[in-house]
Amino acid sequence: MATLHAAIRRSPEALANPNTFKEAIYNTTELDIDQDLTPWMQGEFSVAVLPTTKAANNAPGVGVALLTEVSDRAAADATFAKLDKVMGDRYKFQVTQAQLNGAPSVNWVSKFGSVSASRGWLDGNLMFLVLDSSLTQSLTPTPSTTLADNDLFQQATASNLETKEGHFFVNLDRLLSSNVPLPALPPNLDAVLKATRAIGVTTAIQSDRSTRYDMSVLLRQEGGSTTPTPLPEGVQ
């Protein structure tokens, strides 16, 4: 996975360039986004950064979880079979078959066990990929309360948009209290983050040339309501 990481380190803006990003993905995974991925990724998807605990020293860390609705499960299985081979042959990961709640899954573990990932199915057409295999415990069983039901998420992503293409949400309350190692921040920025409960962005494609972004920043208010103050009239 060093190829993609190195490309981003050399040029962080590469993520914003579709062609550069596609090339980096191919050089890293040998997968072509247009041919191997997008044909079966026709449903909704989500990407989450979640706290984890490293079993070796019980130290806090973070992992990444990808969930996506799949329109062609056979094509998705074929793509990930190719990726399994790349992980084993090129990166020397141990690739093993497993079961998650009775459904097939695959684990990738690096030579010395310092890096792990898992992929598999949660439902008939819901595929998951986690970078840090311990995150599978967060995916099953299905939680009784979803993120969409969370009050803080609802406040941060509230919007009058008729159609919504996606959301971005950061729960700073949980992030800053989770003991996850964060980079040192300038004092002014650190104070701003500690005064913020959550950040939410809701997006909608308005035409083939424009996309609208509605952003909310929920601030702490001692002794008062945490409901965000409405923007002045005419400001969106």
C-alpha atoms as a PDB file:
ATOM      1  CA  MET A   1       0.000   0.000   0.000  1.00  0.00           C
ATOM      2  CA  ALA A   2       3.075   2.233   0.046  1.00  0.00           C
ATOM      3  CA  THR A   3       2.516   3.471  -3.516  1.00  0.00           C
ATOM      4  CA  LEU A   4      -0.728   5.324  -2.762  1.00  0.00           C
ATOM      5  CA  HIS A   5       0.635   6.631   0.546  1.00  0.00           C
ATOM      6  CA  ALA A   6       3.812   7.902  -1.131  1.00  0.00           C
ATOM      7  CA  ALA A   7       1.851   9.596  -3.914  1.00  0.00           C
ATOM      8  CA  ILE A   8      -0.301  11.474  -1.418  1.00  0.00           C
ATOM      9  CA  ARG A   9       2.720  12.493   0.660  1.00  0.00           C
ATOM     10  CA  ARG A  10       4.495  13.863  -2.410  1.00  0.00           C
ATOM     11  CA  SER A  11       1.405  15.741  -3.566  1.00  0.00           C
ATOM     12  CA  PRO A  12      -1.549  15.913  -1.125  1.00  0.00           C
ATOM     13  CA  GLU A  13      -3.684  17.597  -3.774  1.00  0.00           C
ATOM     14  CA  ALA A  14      -3.475  14.363  -5.785  1.00  0.00           C
ATOM     15  CA  LEU A  15      -6.678  13.215  -4.097  1.00  0.00           C
ATOM     16  CA  ALA A  16      -8.494  16.089  -5.824  1.00  0.00           C
ATOM     17  CA  ASN A  17      -7.198  15.105  -9.269  1.00  0.00           C
ATOM     18  CA  PRO A  18      -9.296  12.183 -10.592  1.00  0.00           C
ATOM     19  CA  ASN A  19      -6.675  10.964 -13.061  1.00  0.00           C
ATOM     20  CA  THR A  20      -3.847  11.074 -10.523  1.00  0.00           C
ATOM     21  CA  PHE A  21      -6.018   9.321  -7.946  1.00  0.00           C
ATOM     22  CA  LYS A  22      -7.018   6.594 -10.417  1.00  0.00           C
ATOM     23  CA  GLU A  23      -3.375   6.044 -11.336  1.00  0.00           C
ATOM     24  CA  ALA A  24      -2.345   5.819  -7.679  1.00  0.00           C
ATOM     25  CA  ILE A  25      -5.103   3.276  -6.968  1.00  0.00           C
ATOM     26  CA  TYR A  26      -4.032   1.170  -9.941  1.00  0.00           C
ATOM     27  CA  ASN A  27      -0.329   1.305  -9.045  1.00  0.00           C
ATOM     28  CA  THR A  28      -1.157   0.277  -5.482  1.00  0.00           C
ATOM     29  CA  THR A  29      -3.845  -2.365  -5.999  1.00  0.00           C
ATOM     30  CA  GLU A  30      -3.707  -3.239  -9.723  1.00  0.00           C
ATOM     31  CA  LEU A  31      -7.419  -2.376  -9.854  1.00  0.00           C
ATOM     32  CA  ASP A  32      -8.884  -0.055 -12.483  1.00  0.00           C
ATOM     33  CA  ILE A  33     -11.522   2.153 -10.865  1.00  0.00           C
ATOM     34  CA  ASP A  34     -13.637   2.428 -14.018  1.00  0.00           C
ATOM     35  CA  GLN A  35     -13.516  -1.265 -14.935  1.00  0.00           C
ATOM     36  CA  ASP A  36     -13.083  -3.080 -11.613  1.00  0.00           C
ATOM     37  CA  LEU A  37     -14.957  -0.938  -9.072  1.00  0.00           C
ATOM     38  CA  THR A  38     -17.572   1.526 -10.310  1.00  0.00           C
ATOM     39  CA  PRO A  39     -19.628  -0.982 -12.392  1.00  0.00           C
ATOM     40  CA  TRP A  40     -20.863  -2.732  -9.229  1.00  0.00           C
ATOM     41  CA  MET A  41     -20.796   0.242  -6.813  1.00  0.00           C
ATOM     42  CA  GLN A  42     -24.178   1.625  -7.860  1.00  0.00           C
ATOM     43  CA  GLY A  43     -25.734   2.048  -4.407  1.00  0.00           C
ATOM     44  CA  GLU A  44     -25.096   4.189  -1.349  1.00  0.00           C
ATOM     45  CA  PHE A  45     -21.764   4.019   0.462  1.00  0.00           C
ATOM     46  CA  SER A  46     -20.191   5.349   3.638  1.00  0.00           C
ATOM     47  CA  VAL A  47     -16.654   5.809   4.914  1.00  0.00           C
ATOM     48  CA  ALA A  48     -16.011   6.133   8.648  1.00  0.00           C
ATOM     49  CA  VAL A  49     -12.965   6.713  10.838  1.00  0.00           C
ATOM     50  CA  LEU A  50     -13.522   4.831  14.099  1.00  0.00           C
ATOM     51  CA  PRO A  51     -11.547   4.380  17.330  1.00  0.00           C
ATOM     52  CA  THR A  52      -9.841   1.032  17.892  1.00  0.00           C
ATOM     53  CA  THR A  53      -7.742  -0.593  20.591  1.00  0.00           C
ATOM     54  CA  LYS A  54      -4.518  -2.363  19.703  1.00  0.00           C
ATOM     55  CA  ALA A  55      -4.600  -5.739  21.421  1.00  0.00           C
ATOM     56  CA  ALA A  56      -0.824  -5.929  21.877  1.00  0.00           C
ATOM     57  CA  ASN A  57      -0.476  -2.929  24.189  1.00  0.00           C
ATOM     58  CA  ASN A  58      -4.096  -1.827  24.668  1.00  0.00           C
ATOM     59  CA  ALA A  59      -3.188   1.503  23.063  1.00  0.00           C
ATOM     60  CA  PRO A  60      -5.904   3.580  21.378  1.00  0.00           C
ATOM     61  CA  GLY A  61      -5.793   3.984  17.632  1.00  0.00           C
ATOM     62  CA  VAL A  62      -8.015   4.582  14.633  1.00  0.00           C
ATOM     63  CA  GLY A  63      -9.235   2.455  11.770  1.00  0.00           C
ATOM     64  CA  VAL A  64     -11.218   3.028   8.591  1.00  0.00           C
ATOM     65  CA  ALA A  65     -14.450   1.287   7.610  1.00  0.00           C
ATOM     66  CA  LEU A  66     -16.020   1.299   4.146  1.00  0.00           C
ATOM     67  CA  LEU A  67     -19.589   0.086   3.607  1.00  0.00           C
ATOM     68  CA  THR A  68     -21.161   0.029   0.167  1.00  0.00           C
ATOM     69  CA  GLU A  69     -24.326  -1.281  -1.439  1.00  0.00           C
ATOM     70  CA  VAL A  70     -23.413  -3.588  -4.319  1.00  0.00           C
ATOM     71  CA  SER A  71     -25.450  -3.885  -7.508  1.00  0.00           C
ATOM     72  CA  ASP A  72     -23.572  -6.942  -8.827  1.00  0.00           C
ATOM     73  CA  ARG A  73     -22.286  -9.235  -6.088  1.00  0.00           C
ATOM     74  CA  ALA A  74     -20.557 -11.640  -8.482  1.00  0.00           C
ATOM     75  CA  ALA A  75     -18.569  -8.767 -10.014  1.00  0.00           C
ATOM     76  CA  ALA A  76     -17.649  -7.474  -6.545  1.00  0.00           C
ATOM     77  CA  ASP A  77     -16.454 -10.933  -5.478  1.00  0.00           C
ATOM     78  CA  ALA A  78     -14.329 -11.181  -8.639  1.00  0.00           C
ATOM     79  CA  THR A  79     -12.733  -7.788  -7.960  1.00  0.00           C
ATOM     80  CA  PHE A  80     -11.875  -8.659  -4.378  1.00  0.00           C
ATOM     81  CA  ALA A  81     -10.511 -12.040  -5.407  1.00  0.00           C
ATOM     82  CA  LYS A  82      -8.042 -10.082  -7.578  1.00  0.00           C
ATOM     83  CA  LEU A  83      -7.229  -7.838  -4.617  1.00  0.00           C
ATOM     84  CA  ASP A  84      -6.708 -10.869  -2.350  1.00  0.00           C
ATOM     85  CA  LYS A  85      -4.096 -12.123  -4.809  1.00  0.00           C
ATOM     86  CA  VAL A  86      -2.343  -8.737  -4.903  1.00  0.00           C
ATOM     87  CA  MET A  87      -2.258  -8.556  -1.100  1.00  0.00           C
ATOM     88  CA  GLY A  88      -0.777 -12.043  -0.858  1.00  0.00           C
ATOM     89  CA  ASP A  89       1.618 -12.072  -3.826  1.00  0.00           C
ATOM     90  CA  ARG A  90       2.782  -8.463  -3.908  1.00  0.00           C
ATOM     91  CA  TYR A  91       2.566  -7.336  -0.293  1.00  0.00           C
ATOM     92  CA  LYS A  92       3.111 -10.753   1.342  1.00  0.00           C
ATOM     93  CA  PHE A  93       0.049 -10.484   3.552  1.00  0.00           C
ATOM     94  CA  GLN A  94      -1.425 -13.674   4.969  1.00  0.00           C
ATOM     95  CA  VAL A  95      -4.833 -14.043   3.282  1.00  0.00           C
ATOM     96  CA  THR A  96      -7.267 -16.326   5.123  1.00  0.00           C
ATOM     97  CA  GLN A  97     -10.934 -17.222   4.749  1.00  0.00           C
ATOM     98  CA  ALA A  98     -13.176 -16.546   7.749  1.00  0.00           C
ATOM     99  CA  GLN A  99     -16.796 -16.266   8.841  1.00  0.00           C
ATOM    100  CA  LEU A 100     -18.578 -13.241  10.274  1.00  0.00           C
ATOM    101  CA  ASN A 101     -22.005 -14.067  11.697  1.00  0.00           C
ATOM    102  CA  GLY A 102     -22.246 -16.975   9.287  1.00  0.00           C
ATOM    103  CA  ALA A 103     -21.323 -14.910   6.219  1.00  0.00           C
ATOM    104  CA  PRO A 104     -18.026 -15.377   4.335  1.00  0.00           C
ATOM    105  CA  SER A 105     -15.223 -12.899   4.980  1.00  0.00           C
ATOM    106  CA  VAL A 106     -11.499 -12.623   4.290  1.00  0.00           C
ATOM    107  CA  ASN A 107      -8.726 -11.389   6.590  1.00  0.00           C
ATOM    108  CA  TRP A 108      -5.450  -9.809   5.463  1.00  0.00           C
ATOM    109  CA  VAL A 109      -2.627  -9.755   8.019  1.00  0.00           C
ATOM    110  CA  SER A 110       0.867  -8.384   7.410  1.00  0.00           C
ATOM    111  CA  LYS A 111       3.945 -10.529   8.014  1.00  0.00           C
ATOM    112  CA  PHE A 112       4.523  -9.349  11.583  1.00  0.00           C
ATOM    113  CA  GLY A 113       0.867  -8.714  12.384  1.00  0.00           C
ATOM    114  CA  SER A 114       1.219  -4.937  12.656  1.00  0.00           C
ATOM    115  CA  VAL A 115      -1.333  -4.258   9.901  1.00  0.00           C
ATOM    116  CA  SER A 116      -4.624  -6.054   9.369  1.00  0.00           C
ATOM    117  CA  ALA A 117      -7.732  -5.637   7.264  1.00  0.00           C
ATOM    118  CA  SER A 118     -10.922  -7.572   6.653  1.00  0.00           C
ATOM    119  CA  ARG A 119     -13.557  -7.652   3.943  1.00  0.00           C
ATOM    120  CA  GLY A 120     -16.842  -9.469   3.551  1.00  0.00           C
ATOM    121  CA  TRP A 121     -20.612  -9.212   3.523  1.00  0.00           C
ATOM    122  CA  LEU A 122     -23.033  -7.957   6.161  1.00  0.00           C
ATOM    123  CA  ASP A 123     -26.183  -8.539   4.141  1.00  0.00           C
ATOM    124  CA  GLY A 124     -27.209  -9.780   0.728  1.00  0.00           C
ATOM    125  CA  ASN A 125     -25.773  -6.741  -1.045  1.00  0.00           C
ATOM    126  CA  LEU A 126     -23.930  -4.810   1.682  1.00  0.00           C
ATOM    127  CA  MET A 127     -20.159  -5.174   1.432  1.00  0.00           C
ATOM    128  CA  PHE A 128     -17.639  -4.018   4.043  1.00  0.00           C
ATOM    129  CA  LEU A 129     -13.907  -3.357   4.049  1.00  0.00           C
ATOM    130  CA  VAL A 130     -12.154  -2.374   7.280  1.00  0.00           C
ATOM    131  CA  LEU A 131      -8.562  -1.276   7.748  1.00  0.00           C
ATOM    132  CA  ASP A 132      -7.956  -2.803  11.197  1.00  0.00           C
ATOM    133  CA  SER A 133      -9.712  -6.124  11.566  1.00  0.00           C
ATOM    134  CA  SER A 134     -10.838  -5.352  15.124  1.00  0.00           C
ATOM    135  CA  LEU A 135     -13.425  -2.995  13.617  1.00  0.00           C
ATOM    136  CA  THR A 136     -15.523  -5.977  12.531  1.00  0.00           C
ATOM    137  CA  GLN A 137     -16.709  -6.069  16.154  1.00  0.00           C
ATOM    138  CA  SER A 138     -18.231  -2.609  15.597  1.00  0.00           C
ATOM    139  CA  LEU A 139     -20.148  -3.796  12.530  1.00  0.00           C
ATOM    140  CA  THR A 140     -21.860  -6.804  14.073  1.00  0.00           C
ATOM    141  CA  PRO A 141     -24.364  -7.282  15.443  1.00  0.00           C
ATOM    142  CA  THR A 142     -26.242  -4.447  13.760  1.00  0.00           C
ATOM    143  CA  PRO A 143     -26.628  -1.668  16.374  1.00  0.00           C
ATOM    144  CA  SER A 144     -30.147  -0.965  17.593  1.00  0.00           C
ATOM    145  CA  THR A 145     -29.627   2.778  17.049  1.00  0.00           C
ATOM    146  CA  THR A 146     -28.236   4.018  13.748  1.00  0.00           C
ATOM    147  CA  LEU A 147     -26.160   7.125  13.098  1.00  0.00           C
ATOM    148  CA  ALA A 148     -29.156   8.666  11.330  1.00  0.00           C
ATOM    149  CA  ASP A 149     -31.073   8.439  14.639  1.00  0.00           C
ATOM    150  CA  ASN A 150     -28.328  10.209  16.599  1.00  0.00           C
ATOM    151  CA  ASP A 151     -29.457  13.632  17.838  1.00  0.00           C
ATOM    152  CA  LEU A 152     -26.061  15.275  17.318  1.00  0.00           C
ATOM    153  CA  PHE A 153     -25.850  13.939  13.744  1.00  0.00           C
ATOM    154  CA  GLN A 154     -29.362  15.203  13.001  1.00  0.00           C
ATOM    155  CA  GLN A 155     -28.515  18.687  14.282  1.00  0.00           C
ATOM    156  CA  ALA A 156     -25.206  18.874  12.417  1.00  0.00           C
ATOM    157  CA  THR A 157     -26.636  17.708   9.078  1.00  0.00           C
ATOM    158  CA  ALA A 158     -29.999  19.514   9.196  1.00  0.00           C
ATOM    159  CA  SER A 159     -30.734  21.119   5.824  1.00  0.00           C
ATOM    160  CA  ASN A 160     -33.660  22.372   3.757  1.00  0.00           C
ATOM    161  CA  LEU A 161     -32.333  20.647   0.645  1.00  0.00           C
ATOM    162  CA  GLU A 162     -35.061  18.622  -1.054  1.00  0.00           C
ATOM    163  CA  THR A 163     -32.623  15.962  -2.256  1.00  0.00           C
ATOM    164  CA  LYS A 164     -29.381  15.076  -0.530  1.00  0.00           C
ATOM    165  CA  GLU A 165     -26.396  13.382  -2.159  1.00  0.00           C
ATOM    166  CA  GLY A 166     -24.323  12.818   0.961  1.00  0.00           C
ATOM    167  CA  HIS A 167     -23.171  13.861   4.422  1.00  0.00           C
ATOM    168  CA  PHE A 168     -19.879  14.561   6.178  1.00  0.00           C
ATOM    169  CA  PHE A 169     -19.957  14.404   9.979  1.00  0.00           C
ATOM    170  CA  VAL A 170     -17.347  14.747  12.722  1.00  0.00           C
ATOM    171  CA  ASN A 171     -18.310  14.112  16.346  1.00  0.00           C
ATOM    172  CA  LEU A 172     -15.659  16.217  18.084  1.00  0.00           C
ATOM    173  CA  ASP A 173     -17.175  15.462  21.498  1.00  0.00           C
ATOM    174  CA  ARG A 174     -16.300  11.802  21.055  1.00  0.00           C
ATOM    175  CA  LEU A 175     -13.071  12.358  19.126  1.00  0.00           C
ATOM    176  CA  LEU A 176     -11.462  14.615  21.725  1.00  0.00           C
ATOM    177  CA  SER A 177     -12.513  12.386  24.640  1.00  0.00           C
ATOM    178  CA  SER A 178     -11.437   9.081  23.060  1.00  0.00           C
ATOM    179  CA  ASN A 179      -7.692   9.329  23.826  1.00  0.00           C
ATOM    180  CA  VAL A 180      -6.967   8.756  20.135  1.00  0.00           C
ATOM    181  CA  PRO A 181      -3.504  10.205  19.397  1.00  0.00           C
ATOM    182  CA  LEU A 182      -3.918  13.479  17.506  1.00  0.00           C
ATOM    183  CA  PRO A 183      -1.215  15.705  16.006  1.00  0.00           C
ATOM    184  CA  ALA A 184      -0.124  18.743  17.991  1.00  0.00           C
ATOM    185  CA  LEU A 185      -2.250  21.736  17.045  1.00  0.00           C
ATOM    186  CA  PRO A 186      -1.604  25.481  17.345  1.00  0.00           C
ATOM    187  CA  PRO A 187      -3.111  26.813  20.609  1.00  0.00           C
ATOM    188  CA  ASN A 188      -5.722  28.918  18.808  1.00  0.00           C
ATOM    189  CA  LEU A 189      -6.947  25.991  16.696  1.00  0.00           C
ATOM    190  CA  ASP A 190      -6.936  23.656  19.686  1.00  0.00           C
ATOM    191  CA  ALA A 191      -9.167  26.099  21.583  1.00  0.00           C
ATOM    192  CA  VAL A 192     -11.597  26.284  18.656  1.00  0.00           C
ATOM    193  CA  LEU A 193     -11.875  22.488  18.420  1.00  0.00           C
ATOM    194  CA  LYS A 194     -12.486  22.154  22.155  1.00  0.00           C
ATOM    195  CA  ALA A 195     -15.302  24.703  21.852  1.00  0.00           C
ATOM    196  CA  THR A 196     -16.938  22.714  19.038  1.00  0.00           C
ATOM    197  CA  ARG A 197     -19.282  19.762  19.564  1.00  0.00           C
ATOM    198  CA  ALA A 198     -19.678  18.626  15.968  1.00  0.00           C
ATOM    199  CA  ILE A 199     -19.260  19.612  12.327  1.00  0.00           C
ATOM    200  CA  GLY A 200     -21.676  18.517   9.620  1.00  0.00           C
ATOM    201  CA  VAL A 201     -21.871  19.042   5.867  1.00  0.00           C
ATOM    202  CA  THR A 202     -24.769  18.092   3.593  1.00  0.00           C
ATOM    203  CA  THR A 203     -24.313  18.087  -0.185  1.00  0.00           C
ATOM    204  CA  ALA A 204     -26.630  18.152  -3.176  1.00  0.00           C
ATOM    205  CA  ILE A 205     -25.886  18.239  -6.899  1.00  0.00           C
ATOM    206  CA  GLN A 206     -27.885  21.135  -8.351  1.00  0.00           C
ATOM    207  CA  SER A 207     -26.824  20.843 -11.987  1.00  0.00           C
ATOM    208  CA  ASP A 208     -24.073  19.386 -14.149  1.00  0.00           C
ATOM    209  CA  ARG A 209     -21.973  22.417 -13.181  1.00  0.00           C
ATOM    210  CA  SER A 210     -22.766  23.098  -9.538  1.00  0.00           C
ATOM    211  CA  THR A 211     -22.975  21.362  -6.173  1.00  0.00           C
ATOM    212  CA  ARG A 212     -24.398  22.927  -3.021  1.00  0.00           C
ATOM    213  CA  TYR A 213     -22.819  22.399   0.411  1.00  0.00           C
ATOM    214  CA  ASP A 214     -24.708  23.202   3.619  1.00  0.00           C
ATOM    215  CA  MET A 215     -22.337  23.312   6.607  1.00  0.00           C
ATOM    216  CA  SER A 216     -23.157  23.451  10.316  1.00  0.00           C
ATOM    217  CA  VAL A 217     -20.763  23.952  13.229  1.00  0.00           C
ATOM    218  CA  LEU A 218     -22.280  23.148  16.627  1.00  0.00           C
ATOM    219  CA  LEU A 219     -20.580  25.114  19.401  1.00  0.00           C
ATOM    220  CA  ARG A 220     -20.694  24.542  23.134  1.00  0.00           C
ATOM    221  CA  GLN A 221     -22.867  26.981  25.059  1.00  0.00           C
ATOM    222  CA  GLU A 222     -22.485  26.914  28.819  1.00  0.00           C
ATOM    223  CA  GLY A 223     -25.885  26.950  30.448  1.00  0.00           C
ATOM    224  CA  GLY A 224     -27.689  27.322  27.119  1.00  0.00           C
ATOM    225  CA  SER A 225     -29.024  25.434  24.156  1.00  0.00           C
ATOM    226  CA  THR A 226     -26.681  23.700  21.742  1.00  0.00           C
ATOM    227  CA  THR A 227     -29.048  24.307  18.804  1.00  0.00           C
ATOM    228  CA  PRO A 228     -27.137  26.145  16.058  1.00  0.00           C
ATOM    229  CA  THR A 229     -28.011  29.804  15.525  1.00  0.00           C
ATOM    230  CA  PRO A 230     -29.732  30.418  12.151  1.00  0.00           C
ATOM    231  CA  LEU A 231     -27.658  32.189   9.524  1.00  0.00           C
ATOM    232  CA  PRO A 232     -28.622  35.754   8.554  1.00  0.00           C
ATOM    233  CA  GLU A 233     -31.311  36.027   5.882  1.00  0.00           C
ATOM    234  CA  GLY A 234     -29.950  35.431   2.402  1.00  0.00           C
ATOM    235  CA  VAL A 235     -26.859  33.524   3.609  1.00  0.00           C
ATOM    236  CA  GLN A 236     -26.617  29.825   2.719  1.00  0.00           C
END
